[in-house]
Amino acid sequence: MTMMTRLLTLLTLAISLVFGAQPGLAQSGGSFAPVVTVNGFGITDYEINQRMRFMQLLNAAGTTRQEAEEALIQDRLRVSSSHQVGMKLTEADLQKGMAEFAGRANLDTEKFVAELQKNGVDPATFKEFVRAGMLWREQVRARFAAKVNINEAAVDRAMMPESLTGKGVKVLISEAIIPAPPGNERNAMGQARQLSAAKGEGAFAALARKYSATESRARGGRLDWMPITNLPPQLRSAILALKPGTATGPITLKGAVAVFMLRAIGDGGAPSGPQTLSYMTFNLGATGSDQAAKLSAKIAADARRCNELYTIAKGMPATALVSHENVAQAQVPTDIGLSLAQLDVGETRVLSRGGSDTLVMLCDRQSVPGKDETAPTRDQVRAQLENNALAAYADGFLADLEADAVIVRK
């Protein structure tokens, strides 16, 4: 495994720090003058370019300028709020965190940093990224851990796929996906919390019709039966921890907040197992625009297979239509994975991502032959459920911090 390949495996580590680029690119430039201030703390053009390059090298989300800027704003809030409650990291703690991050790519810190520098990333960018994640993780645990109580029944339900290996599990769920564009995160989180607190399917459906932006809103968010293995791995444990008629906490997606209610669970009659997915994403244009509506209608009328999208995209920027082949299910972004879970080959769904309408078409779904693996222990499952719950609290807390912050773009 090359060093670059090892770096790419760190896609999931960027998330796990909070809760569990290609060679030859030019050096990131940019001014050292602040272009954004967050409660008086500056963010420079250089820092934004560096964050973009860092995330590109990890093959992770956050590679556009807008996404990098938003990520740095949130990091400023994470660090400053942690300092306000007296949390600080020693240099030894920080070096340990950096070593852990690099070690999961089978590199020591020195080699990892050298690889970053070779690809135009300042070591300070990596260091501050780790610092923000570590401080936030500790603050969230200190603030919310006492509110998280995972009982034995929840652990039992979350372990169900392991206990039913080869039998298959299917679920009947309802969804509500609420847009959360910049500046509206707090409002979206408040709506999501109402859905999370809904008592029963009827109350959830009424709120989904009111707040959700998906095609399912007209049905009160109700989806059809689906194999649990079709759902993104990130969502399975959260949904299987529910009792029928109860909902998850708010789950942050790209530019949105989602809540899911479990209506029923049963034997799907199909083997459980990991999947690889081939799919295409088509940026149709700004959400609600005439261009997006016309393209969506044309695709619905003329495209039944993925390769037919190339004809429709002719003349558009090369980045508008992207093919994703044989992607491990765990590596598919959660919002896209949720859409793919509901599709058969050749079917499409449109979702709003970062102010743009993105059409997703499923090209192929393949089961991965199983390997003899040790099932997770009850303690491991409990820890994952606790992390999921803490992540929901963290998302709400961060949305509140951002809504109250004084953010000035120059």
Protein backbone atom coordinates (compact mmCIF):
# COMPACT_ATOMS: atom_id res chain seq x y z
CA MET A 1 0.00 0.00 0.00
CA THR A 2 1.49 3.35 -1.05
CA MET A 3 1.61 6.35 1.22
CA MET A 4 -0.98 8.11 -0.94
CA THR A 5 -3.34 5.14 -0.71
CA ARG A 6 -2.91 5.11 3.05
CA LEU A 7 -3.82 8.77 3.18
CA LEU A 8 -7.02 8.08 1.30
CA THR A 9 -8.08 5.59 3.96
CA LEU A 10 -8.31 8.49 6.40
CA LEU A 11 -11.65 9.58 4.94
CA THR A 12 -13.49 8.12 7.91
CA LEU A 13 -10.93 9.37 10.41
CA ALA A 14 -11.90 12.98 9.82
CA ILE A 15 -15.29 12.03 11.28
CA SER A 16 -13.94 9.80 14.02
CA LEU A 17 -11.86 12.63 15.47
CA VAL A 18 -15.15 14.16 16.61
CA PHE A 19 -16.80 10.82 17.16
CA GLY A 20 -15.68 7.76 16.72
CA ALA A 21 -4.80 15.74 -4.37
CA GLN A 22 -2.84 14.30 -6.28
CA PRO A 23 0.98 14.44 -6.55
CA GLY A 24 2.15 17.46 -8.46
CA LEU A 25 -0.54 19.89 -7.28
CA ALA A 26 0.75 23.41 -6.84
CA GLN A 27 1.46 24.83 -3.41
CA SER A 28 -1.63 26.43 -1.84
CA GLY A 29 -1.34 30.19 -1.82
CA GLY A 30 -3.54 32.98 -0.61
CA SER A 31 -3.35 36.08 1.53
CA PHE A 32 -2.62 36.02 5.25
CA ALA A 33 -5.14 38.83 5.84
CA PRO A 34 -8.45 37.71 7.43
CA VAL A 35 -11.32 37.28 4.97
CA VAL A 36 -13.76 36.04 7.64
CA THR A 37 -13.98 36.81 11.34
CA VAL A 38 -15.81 34.60 13.84
CA ASN A 39 -16.49 36.38 17.13
CA GLY A 40 -13.39 38.45 16.39
CA PHE A 41 -11.16 35.50 15.43
CA GLY A 42 -9.84 35.76 11.88
CA ILE A 43 -9.74 33.17 9.10
CA THR A 44 -7.35 33.91 6.24
CA ASP A 45 -7.54 33.13 2.56
CA TYR A 46 -4.42 31.01 3.04
CA GLU A 47 -6.15 28.88 5.71
CA ILE A 48 -9.15 28.30 3.44
CA ASN A 49 -6.93 27.19 0.56
CA GLN A 50 -4.98 24.94 2.90
CA ARG A 51 -8.13 23.27 4.27
CA MET A 52 -9.34 22.67 0.72
CA ARG A 53 -6.04 21.02 -0.21
CA PHE A 54 -5.95 18.94 2.99
CA MET A 55 -9.45 17.54 2.40
CA GLN A 56 -8.68 16.90 -1.27
CA LEU A 57 -5.68 14.87 -0.24
CA LEU A 58 -7.85 12.82 2.14
CA ASN A 59 -10.44 12.40 -0.63
CA ALA A 60 -12.97 13.64 1.91
CA ALA A 61 -15.87 16.08 1.91
CA GLY A 62 -15.16 19.80 2.19
CA THR A 63 -13.12 20.31 -0.98
CA THR A 64 -14.89 23.42 -2.27
CA ARG A 65 -14.02 26.88 -1.04
CA GLN A 66 -17.44 27.38 0.55
CA GLU A 67 -17.21 24.05 2.38
CA ALA A 68 -13.67 24.73 3.57
CA GLU A 69 -14.67 28.18 4.84
CA GLU A 70 -17.67 26.73 6.70
CA ALA A 71 -15.50 23.98 8.23
CA LEU A 72 -12.99 26.55 9.51
CA ILE A 73 -15.78 28.70 10.96
CA GLN A 74 -17.05 25.68 12.86
CA ASP A 75 -13.53 24.83 14.05
CA ARG A 76 -13.11 28.36 15.42
CA LEU A 77 -16.37 27.90 17.34
CA ARG A 78 -15.32 24.46 18.62
CA VAL A 79 -11.99 25.73 19.89
CA SER A 80 -13.22 29.00 21.39
CA SER A 81 -16.17 27.35 23.17
CA SER A 82 -13.84 24.70 24.58
CA HIS A 83 -11.44 27.36 25.85
CA GLN A 84 -14.34 29.23 27.46
CA VAL A 85 -15.07 26.24 29.70
CA GLY A 86 -11.39 25.82 30.55
CA MET A 87 -10.49 22.98 28.20
CA LYS A 88 -7.01 23.00 26.73
CA LEU A 89 -4.68 20.43 25.23
CA THR A 90 -1.10 19.91 26.27
CA GLU A 91 1.45 19.60 23.50
CA ALA A 92 1.89 15.95 24.49
CA ASP A 93 -1.86 15.30 24.11
CA LEU A 94 -1.89 17.00 20.73
CA GLN A 95 1.10 15.02 19.48
CA LYS A 96 -0.62 11.83 20.64
CA GLY A 97 -3.75 12.74 18.67
CA MET A 98 -1.72 13.49 15.57
CA ALA A 99 0.13 10.19 15.91
CA GLU A 100 -3.16 8.31 16.26
CA PHE A 101 -4.55 9.95 13.13
CA ALA A 102 -1.42 9.17 11.11
CA GLY A 103 -1.08 5.69 12.61
CA ARG A 104 -4.39 4.56 11.17
CA ALA A 105 -2.82 5.02 7.76
CA ASN A 106 0.13 2.91 8.95
CA LEU A 107 2.38 5.97 9.04
CA ASP A 108 4.12 7.72 11.89
CA THR A 109 3.51 11.43 12.36
CA GLU A 110 6.77 12.45 10.71
CA LYS A 111 6.08 10.48 7.52
CA PHE A 112 2.46 11.61 7.41
CA VAL A 113 3.46 15.26 7.73
CA ALA A 114 6.14 14.79 5.08
CA GLU A 115 3.52 13.40 2.69
CA LEU A 116 1.28 16.38 3.39
CA GLN A 117 4.10 18.84 2.74
CA LYS A 118 4.97 17.09 -0.51
CA ASN A 119 1.40 17.78 -1.62
CA GLY A 120 1.34 21.43 -0.56
CA VAL A 121 -0.22 21.18 2.91
CA ASP A 122 1.35 23.09 5.79
CA PRO A 123 1.87 20.89 8.91
CA ALA A 124 0.06 23.57 10.93
CA THR A 125 -3.11 22.84 8.94
CA PHE A 126 -3.05 19.23 10.10
CA LYS A 127 -2.19 20.21 13.66
CA GLU A 128 -5.06 22.69 14.01
CA PHE A 129 -7.49 20.25 12.42
CA VAL A 130 -6.61 17.66 15.06
CA ARG A 131 -6.70 20.23 17.87
CA ALA A 132 -10.24 21.35 17.02
CA GLY A 133 -11.49 17.76 16.80
CA MET A 134 -9.94 16.67 20.08
CA LEU A 135 -11.15 19.69 22.05
CA TRP A 136 -14.66 19.33 20.67
CA ARG A 137 -14.85 15.64 21.44
CA GLU A 138 -13.85 16.20 25.06
CA GLN A 139 -16.20 19.16 25.51
CA VAL A 140 -19.18 17.27 24.08
CA ARG A 141 -18.51 14.28 26.32
CA ALA A 142 -18.22 16.50 29.40
CA ARG A 143 -21.38 18.41 28.54
CA PHE A 144 -23.69 15.65 27.31
CA ALA A 145 -22.45 12.24 28.46
CA ALA A 146 -24.75 12.25 31.50
CA LYS A 147 -27.76 12.63 29.20
CA VAL A 148 -26.95 9.47 27.21
CA ASN A 149 -28.40 6.25 28.62
CA ILE A 150 -28.15 3.20 26.36
CA ASN A 151 -30.17 0.33 27.86
CA GLU A 152 -29.78 -3.38 27.23
CA ALA A 153 -32.78 -3.52 24.89
CA ALA A 154 -31.18 -0.92 22.62
CA VAL A 155 -27.98 -2.95 22.50
CA ASP A 156 -29.98 -6.09 21.69
CA ARG A 157 -31.71 -4.39 18.78
CA ALA A 158 -28.48 -2.90 17.45
CA MET A 159 -26.83 -6.33 17.49
CA MET A 160 -29.73 -7.92 15.63
CA PRO A 161 -27.98 -8.13 12.23
CA GLU A 162 -25.21 -10.19 13.83
CA SER A 163 -27.71 -12.50 15.54
CA LEU A 164 -29.66 -12.95 12.31
CA THR A 165 -26.74 -13.45 9.93
CA GLY A 166 -27.97 -15.21 6.78
CA LYS A 167 -31.64 -14.59 7.56
CA GLY A 168 -31.84 -10.96 6.51
CA VAL A 169 -33.56 -8.06 8.24
CA LYS A 170 -35.93 -5.58 6.65
CA VAL A 171 -37.18 -2.31 8.08
CA LEU A 172 -40.12 -0.02 7.49
CA ILE A 173 -39.10 3.57 8.19
CA SER A 174 -40.25 7.13 7.68
CA GLU A 175 -37.87 9.96 6.83
CA ALA A 176 -37.75 13.71 7.20
CA ILE A 177 -34.86 15.60 5.62
CA ILE A 178 -34.79 19.32 6.40
CA PRO A 179 -32.61 21.72 4.37
CA ALA A 180 -30.01 23.51 6.49
CA PRO A 181 -28.29 26.09 4.28
CA PRO A 182 -25.73 28.42 5.87
CA GLY A 183 -27.48 30.74 8.31
CA ASN A 184 -30.47 28.43 8.78
CA GLU A 185 -28.79 25.63 10.72
CA ARG A 186 -30.35 26.53 14.05
CA ASN A 187 -33.87 26.72 12.66
CA ALA A 188 -33.43 23.37 10.86
CA MET A 189 -32.10 21.75 14.02
CA GLY A 190 -35.09 23.02 15.99
CA GLN A 191 -37.47 21.48 13.45
CA ALA A 192 -35.52 18.23 13.55
CA ARG A 193 -35.81 18.10 17.32
CA GLN A 194 -39.59 18.37 17.02
CA LEU A 195 -39.53 15.32 14.74
CA SER A 196 -37.26 13.43 17.12
CA ALA A 197 -39.72 14.04 19.95
CA ALA A 198 -42.77 13.02 17.89
CA LYS A 199 -44.96 10.43 19.65
CA GLY A 200 -46.12 7.90 17.10
CA GLU A 201 -46.29 7.65 13.34
CA GLY A 202 -49.13 10.13 12.89
CA ALA A 203 -47.36 12.96 14.70
CA PHE A 204 -44.14 12.27 12.78
CA ALA A 205 -46.00 12.22 9.45
CA ALA A 206 -47.64 15.59 10.14
CA LEU A 207 -44.28 17.20 10.90
CA ALA A 208 -42.63 15.53 7.89
CA ARG A 209 -45.27 17.04 5.61
CA LYS A 210 -44.55 20.42 7.16
CA TYR A 211 -40.76 20.44 7.25
CA SER A 212 -39.28 17.73 5.01
CA ALA A 213 -37.95 18.60 1.54
CA THR A 214 -37.95 15.08 0.06
CA GLU A 215 -40.35 13.52 -2.42
CA SER A 216 -41.72 11.38 0.41
CA ARG A 217 -43.11 14.39 2.30
CA ALA A 218 -46.49 13.98 0.59
CA ARG A 219 -46.67 10.51 2.18
CA GLY A 220 -45.68 11.84 5.59
CA GLY A 221 -42.13 10.60 4.97
CA ARG A 222 -43.23 6.96 4.71
CA LEU A 223 -40.87 4.68 2.77
CA ASP A 224 -41.47 1.12 1.63
CA TRP A 225 -39.96 -1.99 3.19
CA MET A 226 -36.23 -2.26 2.47
CA PRO A 227 -33.41 -4.60 3.51
CA ILE A 228 -31.45 -3.12 6.38
CA THR A 229 -28.29 -3.71 4.35
CA ASN A 230 -29.50 -1.19 1.74
CA LEU A 231 -29.21 1.58 4.32
CA PRO A 232 -25.88 3.35 4.82
CA PRO A 233 -23.92 1.61 7.61
CA GLN A 234 -23.84 4.93 9.49
CA LEU A 235 -27.63 4.79 9.92
CA ARG A 236 -28.22 1.12 10.66
CA SER A 237 -27.30 1.07 14.34
CA ALA A 238 -29.26 4.27 15.01
CA ILE A 239 -32.40 2.82 13.40
CA LEU A 240 -32.07 -0.65 14.90
CA ALA A 241 -31.73 0.90 18.36
CA LEU A 242 -35.28 2.25 18.05
CA LYS A 243 -38.56 0.78 19.17
CA PRO A 244 -41.33 0.93 16.53
CA GLY A 245 -43.03 4.30 16.73
CA THR A 246 -39.95 6.17 17.95
CA ALA A 247 -37.50 8.38 16.06
CA THR A 248 -33.78 8.95 15.93
CA GLY A 249 -32.13 12.11 17.13
CA PRO A 250 -31.21 14.71 14.48
CA ILE A 251 -28.58 13.39 12.06
CA THR A 252 -26.49 15.95 10.16
CA LEU A 253 -26.12 15.41 6.42
CA LYS A 254 -24.55 17.62 3.76
CA GLY A 255 -26.55 20.84 3.96
CA ALA A 256 -29.44 19.17 5.75
CA VAL A 257 -30.62 17.55 8.99
CA ALA A 258 -32.42 14.20 8.93
CA VAL A 259 -34.65 12.27 11.35
CA PHE A 260 -35.93 8.72 10.87
CA MET A 261 -38.78 6.86 12.55
CA LEU A 262 -38.91 3.07 12.75
CA ARG A 263 -42.42 1.81 11.93
CA ALA A 264 -41.71 -1.94 11.84
CA ILE A 265 -38.91 -4.48 11.61
CA GLY A 266 -39.01 -8.00 10.21
CA ASP A 267 -37.28 -10.92 8.51
CA GLY A 268 -36.42 -9.85 5.00
CA GLY A 269 -35.73 -13.35 3.72
CA ALA A 270 -32.49 -12.20 2.11
CA PRO A 271 -28.91 -12.63 3.29
CA SER A 272 -27.28 -9.74 5.07
CA GLY A 273 -23.91 -8.50 3.98
CA PRO A 274 -21.84 -5.54 2.76
CA GLN A 275 -22.41 -4.03 -0.67
CA THR A 276 -20.58 -2.08 -3.33
CA LEU A 277 -22.51 0.55 -5.24
CA SER A 278 -22.03 2.08 -8.67
CA TYR A 279 -23.92 5.30 -9.19
CA MET A 280 -23.83 8.67 -10.92
CA THR A 281 -24.39 12.14 -9.53
CA PHE A 282 -25.62 14.95 -11.77
CA ASN A 283 -25.49 18.57 -10.53
CA LEU A 284 -28.66 20.00 -12.06
CA GLY A 285 -28.12 23.58 -10.90
CA ALA A 286 -29.37 25.82 -8.12
CA THR A 287 -32.20 24.39 -6.04
CA GLY A 288 -35.53 25.56 -7.40
CA SER A 289 -34.05 26.95 -10.63
CA ASP A 290 -35.62 26.51 -14.08
CA GLN A 291 -32.46 24.72 -15.24
CA ALA A 292 -32.72 22.13 -12.46
CA ALA A 293 -36.41 21.53 -13.17
CA LYS A 294 -35.88 21.18 -16.94
CA LEU A 295 -32.93 18.81 -16.56
CA SER A 296 -34.80 16.68 -14.02
CA ALA A 297 -37.79 16.40 -16.36
CA LYS A 298 -35.59 15.53 -19.34
CA ILE A 299 -33.80 12.79 -17.39
CA ALA A 300 -37.12 11.36 -16.22
CA ALA A 301 -38.30 11.21 -19.84
CA ASP A 302 -35.12 10.09 -21.63
CA ALA A 303 -32.78 8.24 -19.25
CA ARG A 304 -33.26 4.66 -18.10
CA ARG A 305 -29.59 3.71 -17.77
CA CYS A 306 -26.58 5.51 -16.36
CA ASN A 307 -24.75 5.81 -19.69
CA GLU A 308 -27.71 7.74 -21.12
CA LEU A 309 -26.94 10.60 -18.75
CA TYR A 310 -23.81 11.43 -20.76
CA THR A 311 -25.96 12.50 -23.72
CA ILE A 312 -28.05 14.79 -21.54
CA ALA A 313 -24.94 16.31 -19.92
CA LYS A 314 -23.28 17.06 -23.28
CA GLY A 315 -22.01 20.64 -23.34
CA MET A 316 -22.15 21.06 -19.57
CA PRO A 317 -19.03 21.37 -17.36
CA ALA A 318 -17.20 18.08 -16.87
CA THR A 319 -17.79 18.31 -13.12
CA ALA A 320 -21.58 18.33 -13.53
CA LEU A 321 -21.85 14.57 -14.13
CA VAL A 322 -19.66 12.26 -12.05
CA SER A 323 -19.48 8.48 -12.20
CA HIS A 324 -18.78 6.54 -8.99
CA GLU A 325 -17.91 2.92 -9.66
CA ASN A 326 -17.80 0.02 -7.20
CA VAL A 327 -17.76 2.23 -4.10
CA ALA A 328 -17.81 0.45 -0.75
CA GLN A 329 -21.15 1.24 0.85
CA ALA A 330 -19.50 2.68 3.96
CA GLN A 331 -17.66 5.23 1.79
CA VAL A 332 -20.81 6.63 0.12
CA PRO A 333 -21.91 9.99 1.63
CA THR A 334 -24.81 9.35 4.02
CA ASP A 335 -27.40 11.46 2.19
CA ILE A 336 -26.58 9.85 -1.16
CA GLY A 337 -26.48 6.40 0.43
CA LEU A 338 -29.96 6.93 1.85
CA SER A 339 -31.25 7.83 -1.61
CA LEU A 340 -29.56 4.80 -3.20
CA ALA A 341 -31.11 2.54 -0.55
CA GLN A 342 -34.53 3.30 -2.03
CA LEU A 343 -33.59 2.82 -5.70
CA ASP A 344 -33.48 -0.04 -8.14
CA VAL A 345 -30.96 0.02 -10.99
CA GLY A 346 -31.80 2.84 -13.42
CA GLU A 347 -33.97 4.74 -10.95
CA THR A 348 -33.19 8.28 -9.82
CA ARG A 349 -33.79 10.61 -6.94
CA VAL A 350 -33.12 14.35 -6.61
CA LEU A 351 -31.75 15.78 -3.37
CA SER A 352 -30.65 19.25 -2.37
CA ARG A 353 -26.96 19.50 -1.50
CA GLY A 354 -25.33 22.80 -0.58
CA GLY A 355 -27.85 24.94 -2.46
CA SER A 356 -27.82 22.79 -5.61
CA ASP A 357 -30.12 20.03 -6.80
CA THR A 358 -28.21 16.78 -7.29
CA LEU A 359 -29.73 13.87 -9.17
CA VAL A 360 -28.55 10.42 -8.11
CA MET A 361 -28.97 7.36 -10.37
CA LEU A 362 -28.18 3.81 -9.24
CA CYS A 363 -26.14 1.95 -11.87
CA ASP A 364 -25.42 -1.30 -10.01
CA ARG A 365 -25.60 -2.87 -6.58
CA GLN A 366 -23.38 -5.84 -5.72
CA SER A 367 -23.14 -7.92 -2.57
CA VAL A 368 -19.61 -8.42 -1.30
CA PRO A 369 -18.75 -12.04 -0.42
CA GLY A 370 -18.63 -12.31 3.34
CA LYS A 371 -15.50 -13.03 5.30
CA ASP A 372 -15.14 -14.73 8.65
CA GLU A 373 -15.14 -11.79 11.03
CA THR A 374 -15.65 -11.53 14.75
CA ALA A 375 -19.00 -10.00 15.62
CA PRO A 376 -18.74 -6.83 17.73
CA THR A 377 -19.07 -7.26 21.47
CA ARG A 378 -21.89 -5.74 23.47
CA ASP A 379 -19.48 -3.15 24.86
CA GLN A 380 -18.42 -2.17 21.35
CA VAL A 381 -22.02 -1.86 20.18
CA ARG A 382 -22.94 0.15 23.28
CA ALA A 383 -19.99 2.49 22.68
CA GLN A 384 -21.11 3.05 19.07
CA LEU A 385 -24.66 3.84 20.16
CA GLU A 386 -23.35 6.26 22.76
CA ASN A 387 -21.19 7.96 20.13
CA ASN A 388 -24.21 8.25 17.82
CA ALA A 389 -26.22 9.89 20.58
CA LEU A 390 -23.38 12.25 21.50
CA ALA A 391 -22.95 13.18 17.83
CA ALA A 392 -26.60 14.25 17.69
CA TYR A 393 -26.14 16.44 20.78
CA ALA A 394 -22.92 17.84 19.28
CA ASP A 395 -24.64 18.79 16.02
CA GLY A 396 -27.35 20.68 17.87
CA PHE A 397 -24.87 22.44 20.14
CA LEU A 398 -22.71 23.49 17.19
CA ALA A 399 -25.76 24.81 15.32
CA ASP A 400 -26.63 26.93 18.37
CA LEU A 401 -23.07 28.27 18.62
CA GLU A 402 -23.06 29.19 14.93
CA ALA A 403 -26.46 30.87 15.13
CA ASP A 404 -25.29 33.04 18.05
CA ALA A 405 -21.89 33.86 16.55
CA VAL A 406 -20.94 37.17 14.95
CA ILE A 407 -19.58 36.12 11.56
CA VAL A 408 -18.29 38.82 9.21
CA ARG A 409 -17.14 38.09 5.63
CA LYS A 410 -14.93 40.77 4.10
